[in-house]
Amino acid sequence: METIQNSTFEDLTFEQRSGRALEVAMRLYGQGPSWLVFFREILGVGGAVNQLFRRDGELREFELTAEYREIQQMLGQLRQHGGRRNTPVEPTRVITVRLPKSVHEAIQAEATARNTSMNRLCISKLLQVLEHEFQQTEESPSDDTVVDEVPDAT
């Protein structure tokens, strides 16, 4: 993977860096990598996007661009069509996520309906773009908020 040098991007505008991120992603995508290699080299810690958008708030701003959406589409395509070929061995890590029973049951049902594992479904969902309207705002309750009552819709 080509490394983005600090001197290369310091003088570029946000728009130029956005274009550069897409250019690097398109070049790698054209080589037919596994989804894992693509993710690591483009979106992972130390990947091209993180090298290009180091200033406060810029990464979040980039995630709202057409270039970022196109990179996400490439990642999705690789996961669907080229997910296992030439996949390098990489250690995996385990996380524990506490879910309400109803959410767990919904994920389990969706995984069954899609004929996939819950693990694979959750990874796919984690890699999806958070749309702007679903991102947490200051007025939104935190993820840890427990809702005791649901207002009646009538």
C-alpha atoms as a PDB file:
ATOM      1  CA  MET A   1       0.000   0.000   0.000  1.00  0.00           C
ATOM      2  CA  GLU A   2       1.239   3.442  -0.750  1.00  0.00           C
ATOM      3  CA  THR A   3       1.819   5.552   2.326  1.00  0.00           C
ATOM      4  CA  ILE A   4       0.419   9.055   2.458  1.00  0.00           C
ATOM      5  CA  GLN A   5       3.306  11.267   3.560  1.00  0.00           C
ATOM      6  CA  ASN A   6       2.630  14.206   5.902  1.00  0.00           C
ATOM      7  CA  SER A   7       4.217  16.639   3.480  1.00  0.00           C
ATOM      8  CA  THR A   8       1.958  15.350   0.721  1.00  0.00           C
ATOM      9  CA  PHE A   9      -1.294  16.354   2.356  1.00  0.00           C
ATOM     10  CA  GLU A  10      -0.442  19.330   4.580  1.00  0.00           C
ATOM     11  CA  ASP A  11      -0.799  21.760   1.680  1.00  0.00           C
ATOM     12  CA  LEU A  12      -3.920  20.163   0.181  1.00  0.00           C
ATOM     13  CA  THR A  13      -7.440  21.443   0.745  1.00  0.00           C
ATOM     14  CA  PHE A  14     -10.070  19.249   2.367  1.00  0.00           C
ATOM     15  CA  GLU A  15     -11.608  18.607  -1.060  1.00  0.00           C
ATOM     16  CA  GLN A  16      -8.246  17.634  -2.545  1.00  0.00           C
ATOM     17  CA  ARG A  17      -7.589  15.228   0.316  1.00  0.00           C
ATOM     18  CA  SER A  18     -11.070  13.749  -0.145  1.00  0.00           C
ATOM     19  CA  GLY A  19     -10.260  13.157  -3.793  1.00  0.00           C
ATOM     20  CA  ARG A  20      -6.899  11.689  -2.879  1.00  0.00           C
ATOM     21  CA  ALA A  21      -8.531   9.232  -0.441  1.00  0.00           C
ATOM     22  CA  LEU A  22     -10.915   8.077  -3.160  1.00  0.00           C
ATOM     23  CA  GLU A  23      -8.080   7.803  -5.689  1.00  0.00           C
ATOM     24  CA  VAL A  24      -6.015   5.590  -3.361  1.00  0.00           C
ATOM     25  CA  ALA A  25      -9.095   3.464  -2.583  1.00  0.00           C
ATOM     26  CA  MET A  26      -9.952   3.053  -6.267  1.00  0.00           C
ATOM     27  CA  ARG A  27      -6.401   1.999  -7.099  1.00  0.00           C
ATOM     28  CA  LEU A  28      -6.400  -0.637  -4.350  1.00  0.00           C
ATOM     29  CA  TYR A  29      -9.931  -1.776  -5.239  1.00  0.00           C
ATOM     30  CA  GLY A  30      -8.787  -2.290  -8.830  1.00  0.00           C
ATOM     31  CA  GLN A  31      -6.187  -4.780  -7.586  1.00  0.00           C
ATOM     32  CA  GLY A  32      -8.960  -7.029  -6.241  1.00  0.00           C
ATOM     33  CA  PRO A  33      -7.924  -7.228  -2.589  1.00  0.00           C
ATOM     34  CA  SER A  34      -9.840  -9.048   0.104  1.00  0.00           C
ATOM     35  CA  TRP A  35     -12.273  -6.862   2.013  1.00  0.00           C
ATOM     36  CA  LEU A  36     -10.028  -7.109   5.051  1.00  0.00           C
ATOM     37  CA  VAL A  37      -6.961  -5.762   3.241  1.00  0.00           C
ATOM     38  CA  PHE A  38      -9.066  -2.964   1.714  1.00  0.00           C
ATOM     39  CA  PHE A  39     -10.522  -2.009   5.089  1.00  0.00           C
ATOM     40  CA  ARG A  40      -7.159  -2.057   6.850  1.00  0.00           C
ATOM     41  CA  GLU A  41      -5.299  -0.087   4.166  1.00  0.00           C
ATOM     42  CA  ILE A  42      -8.008   2.505   3.508  1.00  0.00           C
ATOM     43  CA  LEU A  43     -10.203   2.853   6.610  1.00  0.00           C
ATOM     44  CA  GLY A  44      -8.217   1.148   9.360  1.00  0.00           C
ATOM     45  CA  VAL A  45      -6.054   2.783  12.010  1.00  0.00           C
ATOM     46  CA  GLY A  46      -3.065   4.118  10.103  1.00  0.00           C
ATOM     47  CA  GLY A  47      -4.876   3.649   6.780  1.00  0.00           C
ATOM     48  CA  ALA A  48      -5.016   6.261   4.030  1.00  0.00           C
ATOM     49  CA  VAL A  49      -8.147   8.008   5.322  1.00  0.00           C
ATOM     50  CA  ASN A  50      -6.756   8.401   8.831  1.00  0.00           C
ATOM     51  CA  GLN A  51      -3.483   9.693   7.447  1.00  0.00           C
ATOM     52  CA  LEU A  52      -5.244  12.286   5.305  1.00  0.00           C
ATOM     53  CA  PHE A  53      -7.731  13.502   7.920  1.00  0.00           C
ATOM     54  CA  ARG A  54      -5.825  13.978  11.168  1.00  0.00           C
ATOM     55  CA  ARG A  55      -7.133  17.367  12.233  1.00  0.00           C
ATOM     56  CA  ASP A  56      -9.944  17.620  14.778  1.00  0.00           C
ATOM     57  CA  GLY A  57     -13.332  16.934  13.248  1.00  0.00           C
ATOM     58  CA  GLU A  58     -12.060  16.311   9.729  1.00  0.00           C
ATOM     59  CA  LEU A  59     -12.595  12.565   9.767  1.00  0.00           C
ATOM     60  CA  ARG A  60     -16.223  13.038  10.810  1.00  0.00           C
ATOM     61  CA  GLU A  61     -16.624  15.649   8.079  1.00  0.00           C
ATOM     62  CA  PHE A  62     -15.080  13.289   5.510  1.00  0.00           C
ATOM     63  CA  GLU A  63     -17.533  10.557   6.543  1.00  0.00           C
ATOM     64  CA  LEU A  64     -20.344  12.787   5.218  1.00  0.00           C
ATOM     65  CA  THR A  65     -18.842  13.142   1.728  1.00  0.00           C
ATOM     66  CA  ALA A  66     -19.684  11.426  -1.541  1.00  0.00           C
ATOM     67  CA  GLU A  67     -16.106  10.137  -1.653  1.00  0.00           C
ATOM     68  CA  TYR A  68     -16.546   8.330   1.650  1.00  0.00           C
ATOM     69  CA  ARG A  69     -19.835   6.814   0.508  1.00  0.00           C
ATOM     70  CA  GLU A  70     -18.103   5.543  -2.631  1.00  0.00           C
ATOM     71  CA  ILE A  71     -15.330   3.974  -0.535  1.00  0.00           C
ATOM     72  CA  GLN A  72     -17.993   2.301   1.627  1.00  0.00           C
ATOM     73  CA  GLN A  73     -19.657   0.940  -1.522  1.00  0.00           C
ATOM     74  CA  MET A  74     -16.341  -0.545  -2.656  1.00  0.00           C
ATOM     75  CA  LEU A  75     -15.926  -2.184   0.747  1.00  0.00           C
ATOM     76  CA  GLY A  76     -19.451  -3.580   0.523  1.00  0.00           C
ATOM     77  CA  GLN A  77     -18.784  -4.984  -2.944  1.00  0.00           C
ATOM     78  CA  LEU A  78     -15.604  -6.674  -1.749  1.00  0.00           C
ATOM     79  CA  ARG A  79     -17.443  -8.195   1.210  1.00  0.00           C
ATOM     80  CA  GLN A  80     -20.147  -9.552  -1.088  1.00  0.00           C
ATOM     81  CA  HIS A  81     -18.057 -10.799  -4.004  1.00  0.00           C
ATOM     82  CA  GLY A  82     -14.438 -11.067  -3.055  1.00  0.00           C
ATOM     83  CA  GLY A  83     -14.572 -11.602   0.647  1.00  0.00           C
ATOM     84  CA  ARG A  84     -12.472 -14.718   1.060  1.00  0.00           C
ATOM     85  CA  ARG A  85      -9.928 -14.834  -1.710  1.00  0.00           C
ATOM     86  CA  ASN A  86      -6.400 -14.009  -0.651  1.00  0.00           C
ATOM     87  CA  THR A  87      -7.583 -13.067   2.825  1.00  0.00           C
ATOM     88  CA  PRO A  88      -4.508 -12.666   4.979  1.00  0.00           C
ATOM     89  CA  VAL A  89      -4.300 -14.273   8.380  1.00  0.00           C
ATOM     90  CA  GLU A  90      -5.026 -11.629  10.974  1.00  0.00           C
ATOM     91  CA  PRO A  91      -5.647 -12.199  14.663  1.00  0.00           C
ATOM     92  CA  THR A  92      -9.224 -11.705  15.739  1.00  0.00           C
ATOM     93  CA  ARG A  93     -10.425 -10.036  18.910  1.00  0.00           C
ATOM     94  CA  VAL A  94     -13.561 -10.695  20.909  1.00  0.00           C
ATOM     95  CA  ILE A  95     -15.864  -8.024  22.266  1.00  0.00           C
ATOM     96  CA  THR A  96     -18.905  -8.454  24.449  1.00  0.00           C
ATOM     97  CA  VAL A  97     -21.930  -6.343  23.683  1.00  0.00           C
ATOM     98  CA  ARG A  98     -24.852  -6.227  26.082  1.00  0.00           C
ATOM     99  CA  LEU A  99     -28.136  -6.112  24.181  1.00  0.00           C
ATOM    100  CA  PRO A 100     -31.727  -6.054  25.285  1.00  0.00           C
ATOM    101  CA  LYS A 101     -33.342  -9.434  24.662  1.00  0.00           C
ATOM    102  CA  SER A 102     -35.610  -8.028  21.947  1.00  0.00           C
ATOM    103  CA  VAL A 103     -32.630  -6.630  19.995  1.00  0.00           C
ATOM    104  CA  HIS A 104     -30.779  -9.957  20.290  1.00  0.00           C
ATOM    105  CA  GLU A 105     -33.844 -11.809  19.026  1.00  0.00           C
ATOM    106  CA  ALA A 106     -34.203  -9.389  16.094  1.00  0.00           C
ATOM    107  CA  ILE A 107     -30.541  -9.862  15.088  1.00  0.00           C
ATOM    108  CA  GLN A 108     -30.904 -13.622  15.430  1.00  0.00           C
ATOM    109  CA  ALA A 109     -34.025 -13.626  13.248  1.00  0.00           C
ATOM    110  CA  GLU A 110     -32.381 -11.416  10.615  1.00  0.00           C
ATOM    111  CA  ALA A 111     -29.292 -13.635  10.505  1.00  0.00           C
ATOM    112  CA  THR A 112     -31.476 -16.708  10.057  1.00  0.00           C
ATOM    113  CA  ALA A 113     -33.503 -15.014   7.318  1.00  0.00           C
ATOM    114  CA  ARG A 114     -30.304 -14.010   5.503  1.00  0.00           C
ATOM    115  CA  ASN A 115     -28.831 -17.500   5.954  1.00  0.00           C
ATOM    116  CA  THR A 116     -25.762 -16.137   7.737  1.00  0.00           C
ATOM    117  CA  SER A 117     -24.300 -16.137  11.211  1.00  0.00           C
ATOM    118  CA  MET A 118     -25.020 -13.500  13.815  1.00  0.00           C
ATOM    119  CA  ASN A 119     -21.293 -12.734  13.903  1.00  0.00           C
ATOM    120  CA  ARG A 120     -21.127 -12.071  10.144  1.00  0.00           C
ATOM    121  CA  LEU A 121     -24.305  -9.983  10.244  1.00  0.00           C
ATOM    122  CA  CYS A 122     -22.985  -7.879  13.143  1.00  0.00           C
ATOM    123  CA  ILE A 123     -19.651  -7.303  11.376  1.00  0.00           C
ATOM    124  CA  SER A 124     -21.533  -6.151   8.271  1.00  0.00           C
ATOM    125  CA  LYS A 125     -23.626  -3.787  10.333  1.00  0.00           C
ATOM    126  CA  LEU A 126     -20.566  -2.416  12.135  1.00  0.00           C
ATOM    127  CA  LEU A 127     -18.898  -1.631   8.806  1.00  0.00           C
ATOM    128  CA  GLN A 128     -21.901   0.246   7.433  1.00  0.00           C
ATOM    129  CA  VAL A 129     -21.924   4.007   7.350  1.00  0.00           C
ATOM    130  CA  LEU A 130     -23.827   5.721  10.117  1.00  0.00           C
ATOM    131  CA  GLU A 131     -26.140   8.046   8.290  1.00  0.00           C
ATOM    132  CA  HIS A 132     -26.032  11.655   9.487  1.00  0.00           C
ATOM    133  CA  GLU A 133     -29.618  11.636  10.765  1.00  0.00           C
ATOM    134  CA  PHE A 134     -28.870   8.614  12.980  1.00  0.00           C
ATOM    135  CA  GLN A 135     -25.706  10.014  14.504  1.00  0.00           C
ATOM    136  CA  GLN A 136     -26.014  10.956  18.148  1.00  0.00           C
ATOM    137  CA  THR A 137     -26.656  14.605  18.855  1.00  0.00           C
ATOM    138  CA  GLU A 138     -26.364  16.501  22.111  1.00  0.00           C
ATOM    139  CA  GLU A 139     -30.130  16.278  22.559  1.00  0.00           C
ATOM    140  CA  SER A 140     -30.216  12.499  21.977  1.00  0.00           C
ATOM    141  CA  PRO A 141     -30.093  10.167  24.954  1.00  0.00           C
ATOM    142  CA  SER A 142     -26.831   8.314  25.408  1.00  0.00           C
ATOM    143  CA  ASP A 143     -26.500   4.659  24.456  1.00  0.00           C
ATOM    144  CA  ASP A 144     -26.669   3.766  28.140  1.00  0.00           C
ATOM    145  CA  THR A 145     -30.022   5.472  28.715  1.00  0.00           C
ATOM    146  CA  VAL A 146     -32.758   3.085  29.788  1.00  0.00           C
ATOM    147  CA  VAL A 147     -36.224   4.046  28.636  1.00  0.00           C
ATOM    148  CA  ASP A 148     -38.706   3.094  31.339  1.00  0.00           C
ATOM    149  CA  GLU A 149     -41.844   4.021  29.486  1.00  0.00           C
ATOM    150  CA  VAL A 150     -42.727   4.264  25.839  1.00  0.00           C
ATOM    151  CA  PRO A 151     -45.327   6.957  25.156  1.00  0.00           C
ATOM    152  CA  ASP A 152     -48.609   5.662  23.766  1.00  0.00           C
ATOM    153  CA  ALA A 153     -48.902   6.409  20.043  1.00  0.00           C
ATOM    154  CA  THR A 154     -52.655   7.039  20.299  1.00  0.00           C
END
